[in-house]
């Protein structure tokens, strides 16, 4: 019985570790004690840092683990792609990892659309460049780049 419990615990640890999700910061990012800018800053996470997600959600603030601390960061500055700092200009390069997850949302027409994402140049299917440097894939001009500073330039 003892051996069985030990094997069961080891299996649970392996499953938990394999299910962990990591993201990268797309800017220097404040780790906060709560989910808003009014909460205390616990640490500043440098651009391009790989961080462990405590929980994933499609929300404005996400709970993460960084340097032994658990806190909240704004989801608009997280990406599943490795960030490279070129000439003081933030850019993103694909990690080539088959496990990287592109975020999607369902628009008001019920279509599944890729969430705004940071790229080095306009990717196929992008419809607008947002003011925060991300590219939008919205199929509708209404609400495009909302939460990303609005549209800087339409691509199509």
N, C-alpha and C. Protein backbone atom coordinates (compact mmCIF):
# COMPACT_ATOMS: atom_id res chain seq x y z
N UNK A 1 0.83 -1.20 0.00
CA UNK A 1 0.00 0.00 0.00
C UNK A 1 0.88 1.27 0.00
N UNK A 2 1.94 1.23 0.79
CA UNK A 2 2.83 2.37 0.87
C UNK A 2 3.49 2.66 -0.48
N UNK A 3 3.90 1.60 -1.15
CA UNK A 3 4.53 1.73 -2.46
C UNK A 3 3.56 2.34 -3.47
N UNK A 4 2.31 1.90 -3.41
CA UNK A 4 1.27 2.41 -4.30
C UNK A 4 1.07 3.91 -4.09
N UNK A 5 1.00 4.34 -2.84
CA UNK A 5 0.82 5.77 -2.54
C UNK A 5 2.01 6.59 -3.01
N UNK A 6 3.21 6.06 -2.85
CA UNK A 6 4.40 6.76 -3.31
C UNK A 6 4.39 6.93 -4.82
N UNK A 7 4.02 5.88 -5.53
CA UNK A 7 3.93 5.95 -7.00
C UNK A 7 2.85 6.94 -7.41
N UNK A 8 1.72 6.93 -6.72
CA UNK A 8 0.62 7.85 -7.03
C UNK A 8 1.06 9.30 -6.84
N UNK A 9 1.75 9.59 -5.76
CA UNK A 9 2.24 10.95 -5.49
C UNK A 9 3.23 11.37 -6.58
N UNK A 10 4.14 10.49 -6.96
CA UNK A 10 5.11 10.81 -8.01
C UNK A 10 4.41 11.10 -9.33
N UNK A 11 3.40 10.32 -9.65
CA UNK A 11 2.64 10.55 -10.88
C UNK A 11 1.95 11.91 -10.85
N UNK A 12 1.36 12.26 -9.72
CA UNK A 12 0.69 13.57 -9.61
C UNK A 12 1.68 14.71 -9.77
N UNK A 13 2.88 14.58 -9.22
CA UNK A 13 3.90 15.61 -9.36
C UNK A 13 4.31 15.75 -10.83
N UNK A 14 4.50 14.64 -11.51
CA UNK A 14 4.88 14.67 -12.93
C UNK A 14 3.79 15.32 -13.76
N UNK A 15 2.54 14.98 -13.51
CA UNK A 15 1.42 15.56 -14.25
C UNK A 15 1.34 17.06 -13.99
N UNK A 16 1.50 17.46 -12.74
CA UNK A 16 1.45 18.88 -12.40
C UNK A 16 2.56 19.66 -13.08
N UNK A 17 3.78 19.13 -13.05
CA UNK A 17 4.91 19.83 -13.68
C UNK A 17 4.75 19.93 -15.18
N UNK A 18 4.21 18.90 -15.82
CA UNK A 18 4.05 18.94 -17.27
C UNK A 18 2.93 19.88 -17.69
N UNK A 19 2.01 20.20 -16.79
CA UNK A 19 0.88 21.07 -17.12
C UNK A 19 1.19 22.54 -16.86
N UNK A 20 2.38 22.86 -16.37
CA UNK A 20 2.72 24.24 -16.08
C UNK A 20 2.81 25.05 -17.37
N UNK A 21 2.33 26.28 -17.30
CA UNK A 21 2.35 27.15 -18.45
C UNK A 21 3.29 28.32 -18.18
N UNK A 22 4.13 28.62 -19.15
CA UNK A 22 5.05 29.75 -19.05
C UNK A 22 4.70 30.77 -20.12
N UNK A 23 4.91 32.05 -19.81
CA UNK A 23 4.73 33.14 -20.75
C UNK A 23 5.97 34.03 -20.63
N UNK A 24 6.09 34.98 -21.55
CA UNK A 24 7.20 35.94 -21.55
C UNK A 24 6.65 37.34 -21.38
N UNK A 25 7.43 38.20 -20.74
CA UNK A 25 7.02 39.60 -20.61
C UNK A 25 7.41 40.35 -21.87
N UNK A 26 6.51 41.18 -22.38
CA UNK A 26 6.79 41.95 -23.60
C UNK A 26 7.22 43.38 -23.27
N UNK A 27 7.39 43.66 -21.97
CA UNK A 27 7.86 44.96 -21.49
C UNK A 27 8.34 44.76 -20.06
N UNK A 28 9.05 45.75 -19.50
CA UNK A 28 9.34 45.68 -18.07
C UNK A 28 7.99 45.74 -17.37
N UNK A 29 7.76 44.82 -16.46
CA UNK A 29 6.41 44.61 -15.94
C UNK A 29 6.41 44.61 -14.42
N UNK A 30 5.46 45.34 -13.82
CA UNK A 30 5.34 45.38 -12.36
C UNK A 30 4.53 44.19 -11.87
N UNK A 31 5.10 43.44 -10.91
CA UNK A 31 4.39 42.37 -10.21
C UNK A 31 3.70 43.04 -9.04
N UNK A 32 2.38 42.91 -8.96
CA UNK A 32 1.61 43.62 -7.93
C UNK A 32 0.96 42.65 -6.95
N UNK A 33 0.64 43.18 -5.77
CA UNK A 33 0.04 42.35 -4.72
C UNK A 33 -1.42 42.02 -5.00
N UNK A 34 -2.05 42.74 -5.89
CA UNK A 34 -3.45 42.51 -6.26
C UNK A 34 -3.69 42.86 -7.71
N UNK A 35 -4.89 42.57 -8.22
CA UNK A 35 -5.19 42.73 -9.65
C UNK A 35 -5.61 44.13 -10.09
N UNK A 36 -4.78 45.14 -9.80
CA UNK A 36 -5.02 46.49 -10.32
C UNK A 36 -3.78 47.34 -10.06
N UNK A 37 -3.70 48.50 -10.73
CA UNK A 37 -2.54 49.38 -10.56
C UNK A 37 -2.52 50.03 -9.18
N UNK A 38 -3.61 49.97 -8.44
CA UNK A 38 -3.64 50.57 -7.10
C UNK A 38 -2.96 49.69 -6.06
N UNK A 39 -2.66 48.44 -6.40
CA UNK A 39 -2.00 47.54 -5.45
C UNK A 39 -0.48 47.77 -5.44
N UNK A 40 0.13 47.42 -4.33
CA UNK A 40 1.56 47.59 -4.08
C UNK A 40 2.41 46.80 -5.09
N UNK A 41 3.51 47.39 -5.55
CA UNK A 41 4.45 46.71 -6.46
C UNK A 41 5.37 45.83 -5.62
N UNK A 42 5.40 44.52 -5.96
CA UNK A 42 6.25 43.56 -5.25
C UNK A 42 7.62 43.44 -5.90
N UNK A 43 7.65 43.59 -7.23
CA UNK A 43 8.90 43.46 -7.99
C UNK A 43 8.68 44.01 -9.39
N UNK A 44 9.76 44.31 -10.10
CA UNK A 44 9.68 44.67 -11.51
C UNK A 44 10.33 43.55 -12.30
N UNK A 45 9.58 42.98 -13.23
CA UNK A 45 10.05 41.85 -14.03
C UNK A 45 10.61 42.40 -15.34
N UNK A 46 11.87 42.09 -15.67
CA UNK A 46 12.48 42.63 -16.89
C UNK A 46 11.84 42.09 -18.18
N UNK A 47 11.94 42.87 -19.23
CA UNK A 47 11.51 42.50 -20.57
C UNK A 47 12.08 41.15 -20.96
N UNK A 48 11.25 40.28 -21.53
CA UNK A 48 11.70 38.99 -22.04
C UNK A 48 11.84 37.89 -21.01
N UNK A 49 11.46 38.16 -19.76
CA UNK A 49 11.57 37.16 -18.70
C UNK A 49 10.50 36.08 -18.87
N UNK A 50 10.92 34.83 -18.73
CA UNK A 50 9.99 33.69 -18.77
C UNK A 50 9.39 33.55 -17.37
N UNK A 51 8.05 33.57 -17.28
CA UNK A 51 7.40 33.49 -15.98
C UNK A 51 6.39 32.36 -15.93
N UNK A 52 6.21 31.81 -14.75
CA UNK A 52 5.29 30.70 -14.52
C UNK A 52 3.90 31.24 -14.22
N UNK A 53 2.92 30.79 -14.97
CA UNK A 53 1.54 31.21 -14.76
C UNK A 53 0.94 30.37 -13.63
N UNK A 54 0.39 31.01 -12.61
CA UNK A 54 -0.29 30.29 -11.53
C UNK A 54 -1.66 29.86 -12.02
N UNK A 55 -2.32 30.73 -12.77
CA UNK A 55 -3.61 30.38 -13.37
C UNK A 55 -3.75 31.13 -14.69
N UNK A 56 -4.36 30.48 -15.67
CA UNK A 56 -4.58 31.09 -16.98
C UNK A 56 -6.04 31.51 -17.08
N UNK A 57 -6.25 32.69 -17.62
CA UNK A 57 -7.62 33.13 -17.88
C UNK A 57 -7.55 34.21 -18.96
N UNK A 58 -8.68 34.51 -19.54
CA UNK A 58 -8.76 35.57 -20.54
C UNK A 58 -9.23 36.83 -19.83
N UNK A 59 -8.37 37.36 -18.93
CA UNK A 59 -8.75 38.51 -18.12
C UNK A 59 -7.63 39.56 -18.16
N UNK A 60 -7.89 40.72 -17.58
CA UNK A 60 -6.93 41.82 -17.62
C UNK A 60 -5.72 41.59 -16.71
N UNK A 61 -5.92 40.92 -15.58
CA UNK A 61 -4.85 40.66 -14.62
C UNK A 61 -4.72 39.16 -14.41
N UNK A 62 -3.46 38.68 -14.45
CA UNK A 62 -3.21 37.25 -14.31
C UNK A 62 -2.27 37.01 -13.13
N UNK A 63 -2.58 35.98 -12.36
CA UNK A 63 -1.77 35.61 -11.20
C UNK A 63 -0.58 34.77 -11.68
N UNK A 64 0.63 35.17 -11.25
CA UNK A 64 1.85 34.48 -11.69
C UNK A 64 2.78 34.20 -10.51
N UNK A 65 3.80 33.39 -10.78
CA UNK A 65 4.86 33.10 -9.82
C UNK A 65 6.16 33.64 -10.40
N UNK A 66 6.85 34.49 -9.63
CA UNK A 66 8.12 35.07 -10.10
C UNK A 66 9.07 35.24 -8.92
N UNK A 67 10.26 34.69 -9.02
CA UNK A 67 11.30 34.85 -7.99
C UNK A 67 10.79 34.54 -6.58
N UNK A 68 10.03 33.48 -6.44
CA UNK A 68 9.53 33.09 -5.12
C UNK A 68 8.34 33.89 -4.65
N UNK A 69 7.84 34.80 -5.48
CA UNK A 69 6.69 35.62 -5.10
C UNK A 69 5.51 35.29 -6.00
N UNK A 70 4.32 35.34 -5.44
CA UNK A 70 3.10 35.18 -6.22
C UNK A 70 2.39 36.53 -6.22
N UNK A 71 2.04 37.00 -7.40
CA UNK A 71 1.36 38.28 -7.52
C UNK A 71 0.63 38.37 -8.84
N UNK A 72 0.25 39.58 -9.20
CA UNK A 72 -0.55 39.82 -10.40
C UNK A 72 0.19 40.72 -11.38
N UNK A 73 0.01 40.43 -12.68
CA UNK A 73 0.55 41.28 -13.74
C UNK A 73 -0.54 41.54 -14.77
N UNK A 74 -0.39 42.63 -15.49
CA UNK A 74 -1.34 42.94 -16.56
C UNK A 74 -1.13 41.97 -17.71
N UNK A 75 -2.19 41.33 -18.17
CA UNK A 75 -2.09 40.33 -19.24
C UNK A 75 -1.72 40.96 -20.58
N UNK A 76 -1.89 42.26 -20.72
CA UNK A 76 -1.57 42.89 -22.01
C UNK A 76 -0.07 42.93 -22.28
N UNK A 77 0.75 42.67 -21.26
CA UNK A 77 2.20 42.67 -21.44
C UNK A 77 2.80 41.26 -21.35
N UNK A 78 1.97 40.24 -21.62
CA UNK A 78 2.44 38.86 -21.64
C UNK A 78 2.26 38.28 -23.03
N UNK A 79 3.19 37.45 -23.44
CA UNK A 79 3.11 36.79 -24.74
C UNK A 79 3.63 35.37 -24.59
N UNK A 80 3.18 34.50 -25.47
CA UNK A 80 3.67 33.12 -25.44
C UNK A 80 4.91 32.97 -26.32
N UNK A 81 5.39 34.06 -26.86
CA UNK A 81 6.56 34.03 -27.75
C UNK A 81 7.74 34.73 -27.08
N UNK A 82 8.93 34.21 -27.32
CA UNK A 82 10.14 34.78 -26.73
C UNK A 82 10.37 36.19 -27.26
N UNK A 83 10.65 37.11 -26.36
CA UNK A 83 10.84 38.52 -26.71
C UNK A 83 12.33 38.81 -26.87
N UNK A 84 12.66 39.55 -27.93
CA UNK A 84 14.04 39.93 -28.20
C UNK A 84 14.11 41.45 -28.21
N UNK A 85 15.07 42.02 -27.49
CA UNK A 85 15.22 43.47 -27.44
C UNK A 85 16.24 43.89 -28.49
N UNK A 86 15.78 44.52 -29.58
CA UNK A 86 16.65 45.00 -30.66
C UNK A 86 16.65 46.51 -30.69
N UNK A 87 17.80 47.13 -30.50
CA UNK A 87 17.94 48.59 -30.60
C UNK A 87 16.90 49.31 -29.76
N UNK A 88 16.70 48.88 -28.53
CA UNK A 88 15.74 49.48 -27.62
C UNK A 88 14.31 49.44 -28.13
N UNK A 89 14.04 48.62 -29.11
CA UNK A 89 12.68 48.48 -29.62
C UNK A 89 12.23 47.05 -29.35
N UNK A 90 11.08 46.90 -28.67
CA UNK A 90 10.61 45.57 -28.33
C UNK A 90 10.09 44.87 -29.57
N UNK A 91 10.46 43.60 -29.71
CA UNK A 91 9.93 42.79 -30.78
C UNK A 91 9.79 41.37 -30.28
N UNK A 92 9.07 40.57 -31.03
CA UNK A 92 8.83 39.20 -30.61
C UNK A 92 9.25 38.27 -31.70
N UNK A 93 9.85 37.16 -31.31
CA UNK A 93 10.26 36.14 -32.26
C UNK A 93 9.64 34.83 -31.80
N UNK A 94 9.13 34.07 -32.73
CA UNK A 94 8.54 32.78 -32.39
C UNK A 94 9.61 31.88 -31.81
N UNK A 95 9.26 31.14 -30.76
CA UNK A 95 10.20 30.22 -30.13
C UNK A 95 10.31 28.94 -30.92
N UNK A 96 9.39 28.71 -31.84
CA UNK A 96 9.39 27.47 -32.59
C UNK A 96 8.91 26.30 -31.75
N UNK A 97 8.42 26.57 -30.57
CA UNK A 97 7.94 25.53 -29.66
C UNK A 97 6.54 25.12 -30.05
N UNK A 98 6.35 23.84 -30.30
CA UNK A 98 5.03 23.34 -30.70
C UNK A 98 4.02 23.50 -29.59
N UNK A 99 4.49 23.67 -28.35
CA UNK A 99 3.57 23.81 -27.23
C UNK A 99 3.16 25.25 -26.98
N UNK A 100 3.73 26.23 -27.72
CA UNK A 100 3.36 27.62 -27.48
C UNK A 100 1.90 27.81 -27.90
N UNK A 101 1.19 28.60 -27.10
CA UNK A 101 -0.24 28.76 -27.33
C UNK A 101 -0.55 30.18 -27.76
N UNK A 102 -1.20 30.32 -28.89
CA UNK A 102 -1.67 31.61 -29.34
C UNK A 102 -3.02 31.83 -28.70
N UNK A 103 -3.26 33.02 -28.20
CA UNK A 103 -4.53 33.33 -27.55
C UNK A 103 -5.59 33.67 -28.58
N UNK A 104 -6.81 33.25 -28.31
CA UNK A 104 -7.94 33.52 -29.18
C UNK A 104 -9.11 34.04 -28.34
N UNK A 105 -10.03 34.71 -29.00
CA UNK A 105 -11.27 35.13 -28.36
C UNK A 105 -12.40 34.93 -29.36
N UNK A 106 -13.62 34.95 -28.86
CA UNK A 106 -14.79 34.85 -29.73
C UNK A 106 -15.39 36.24 -29.85
N UNK A 107 -15.49 36.73 -31.09
CA UNK A 107 -16.01 38.09 -31.29
C UNK A 107 -17.54 38.10 -31.20
N UNK A 108 -18.13 39.28 -31.35
CA UNK A 108 -19.58 39.42 -31.21
C UNK A 108 -20.36 38.67 -32.28
N UNK A 109 -19.70 38.31 -33.38
CA UNK A 109 -20.36 37.53 -34.44
C UNK A 109 -20.20 36.03 -34.22
N UNK A 110 -19.53 35.66 -33.12
CA UNK A 110 -19.34 34.25 -32.81
C UNK A 110 -18.13 33.63 -33.49
N UNK A 111 -17.28 34.45 -34.13
CA UNK A 111 -16.09 33.93 -34.81
C UNK A 111 -14.92 33.84 -33.84
N UNK A 112 -14.10 32.81 -33.98
CA UNK A 112 -12.89 32.66 -33.17
C UNK A 112 -11.77 33.43 -33.86
N UNK A 113 -11.19 34.40 -33.15
CA UNK A 113 -10.20 35.30 -33.74
C UNK A 113 -8.97 35.33 -32.84
N UNK A 114 -7.78 35.39 -33.45
CA UNK A 114 -6.54 35.48 -32.68
C UNK A 114 -6.50 36.82 -31.95
N UNK A 115 -6.12 36.80 -30.69
CA UNK A 115 -5.97 38.02 -29.90
C UNK A 115 -4.79 38.83 -30.43
N UNK A 116 -4.80 40.17 -30.22
CA UNK A 116 -3.67 40.97 -30.66
C UNK A 116 -2.35 40.42 -30.10
N UNK A 117 -1.35 40.32 -30.98
CA UNK A 117 -0.07 39.70 -30.66
C UNK A 117 1.06 40.54 -31.22
N UNK A 118 2.19 40.57 -30.53
CA UNK A 118 3.36 41.34 -30.96
C UNK A 118 4.21 40.51 -31.91
N UNK A 119 4.56 41.07 -33.07
CA UNK A 119 5.42 40.43 -34.07
C UNK A 119 6.45 41.43 -34.57
N UNK A 120 7.50 40.94 -35.23
CA UNK A 120 8.52 41.83 -35.82
C UNK A 120 7.95 42.63 -36.98
N UNK A 121 7.07 42.02 -37.78
CA UNK A 121 6.43 42.68 -38.91
C UNK A 121 5.03 42.11 -39.05
N UNK A 122 4.24 42.72 -39.91
CA UNK A 122 2.83 42.32 -40.05
C UNK A 122 2.73 40.85 -40.46
N UNK A 123 2.11 40.02 -39.63
CA UNK A 123 1.95 38.60 -39.97
C UNK A 123 0.77 38.40 -40.91
N UNK A 124 0.71 37.27 -41.60
CA UNK A 124 -0.43 36.98 -42.47
C UNK A 124 -1.73 37.00 -41.67
N UNK A 125 -2.73 37.65 -42.22
CA UNK A 125 -4.04 37.70 -41.57
C UNK A 125 -4.25 38.89 -40.65
N UNK A 126 -3.18 39.64 -40.35
CA UNK A 126 -3.32 40.81 -39.48
C UNK A 126 -4.10 41.89 -40.21
N UNK A 127 -4.98 42.59 -39.49
CA UNK A 127 -5.80 43.62 -40.10
C UNK A 127 -5.44 45.03 -39.64
N UNK A 128 -4.75 45.13 -38.48
CA UNK A 128 -4.41 46.45 -37.96
C UNK A 128 -3.19 46.36 -37.06
N UNK A 129 -2.43 47.46 -37.01
CA UNK A 129 -1.35 47.61 -36.06
C UNK A 129 -1.91 48.44 -34.91
N UNK A 130 -1.86 47.91 -33.70
CA UNK A 130 -2.38 48.63 -32.53
C UNK A 130 -1.32 49.60 -32.01
N UNK A 131 -1.74 50.60 -31.25
CA UNK A 131 -0.81 51.62 -30.74
C UNK A 131 0.22 51.06 -29.77
N UNK A 132 -0.07 49.91 -29.13
CA UNK A 132 0.91 49.32 -28.21
C UNK A 132 1.91 48.41 -28.92
N UNK A 133 1.84 48.36 -30.27
CA UNK A 133 2.80 47.57 -31.05
C UNK A 133 2.34 46.17 -31.39
N UNK A 134 1.15 45.77 -30.94
CA UNK A 134 0.63 44.45 -31.28
C UNK A 134 -0.13 44.52 -32.60
N UNK A 135 -0.30 43.37 -33.24
CA UNK A 135 -1.08 43.29 -34.47
C UNK A 135 -2.42 42.63 -34.17
N UNK A 136 -3.49 43.23 -34.67
CA UNK A 136 -4.84 42.71 -34.47
C UNK A 136 -5.26 41.87 -35.66
N UNK A 137 -6.06 40.86 -35.38
CA UNK A 137 -6.58 39.96 -36.42
C UNK A 137 -8.10 40.08 -36.50
N UNK A 138 -8.65 41.17 -35.99
CA UNK A 138 -10.09 41.38 -35.93
C UNK A 138 -10.70 41.37 -37.32
N UNK A 139 -11.86 40.77 -37.45
CA UNK A 139 -12.57 40.71 -38.72
C UNK A 139 -13.54 41.88 -38.86
N UNK A 140 -13.63 42.71 -37.81
CA UNK A 140 -14.57 43.81 -37.77
C UNK A 140 -13.83 45.05 -37.27
N UNK A 141 -14.06 46.18 -37.88
CA UNK A 141 -13.36 47.40 -37.45
C UNK A 141 -13.83 47.91 -36.09
N UNK A 142 -15.04 47.56 -35.71
CA UNK A 142 -15.57 48.02 -34.43
C UNK A 142 -14.87 47.28 -33.28
N UNK A 143 -14.25 48.02 -32.39
CA UNK A 143 -13.59 47.44 -31.22
C UNK A 143 -12.19 46.92 -31.48
N UNK A 144 -11.70 47.06 -32.70
CA UNK A 144 -10.35 46.58 -33.01
C UNK A 144 -9.33 47.32 -32.16
N UNK A 145 -8.41 46.59 -31.57
CA UNK A 145 -7.34 47.12 -30.72
C UNK A 145 -7.84 47.75 -29.42
N UNK A 146 -9.09 47.47 -29.04
CA UNK A 146 -9.56 47.98 -27.76
C UNK A 146 -8.75 47.28 -26.68
N UNK A 147 -8.30 48.02 -25.70
CA UNK A 147 -7.42 47.47 -24.68
C UNK A 147 -5.96 47.47 -25.11
N UNK A 148 -5.69 47.94 -26.32
CA UNK A 148 -4.32 48.00 -26.83
C UNK A 148 -4.00 49.40 -27.35
N UNK A 149 -4.72 50.40 -26.87
CA UNK A 149 -4.45 51.79 -27.22
C UNK A 149 -5.12 52.28 -28.49
N UNK A 150 -5.93 51.43 -29.11
CA UNK A 150 -6.60 51.82 -30.35
C UNK A 150 -5.76 51.47 -31.57
N UNK A 151 -6.30 51.78 -32.74
CA UNK A 151 -5.63 51.44 -34.00
C UNK A 151 -4.62 52.52 -34.37
N UNK A 152 -3.38 52.12 -34.62
CA UNK A 152 -2.36 53.05 -35.10
C UNK A 152 -2.42 53.12 -36.63
N UNK A 153 -2.66 51.95 -37.27
CA UNK A 153 -2.70 51.89 -38.74
C UNK A 153 -3.48 50.67 -39.17
N UNK A 154 -4.39 50.86 -40.14
CA UNK A 154 -5.13 49.74 -40.73
C UNK A 154 -4.25 49.08 -41.79
N UNK A 155 -4.28 47.76 -41.85
CA UNK A 155 -3.46 47.04 -42.82
C UNK A 155 -4.25 46.59 -44.03
N UNK A 156 -5.55 46.41 -43.88
CA UNK A 156 -6.38 45.95 -45.00
C UNK A 156 -7.54 46.89 -45.20
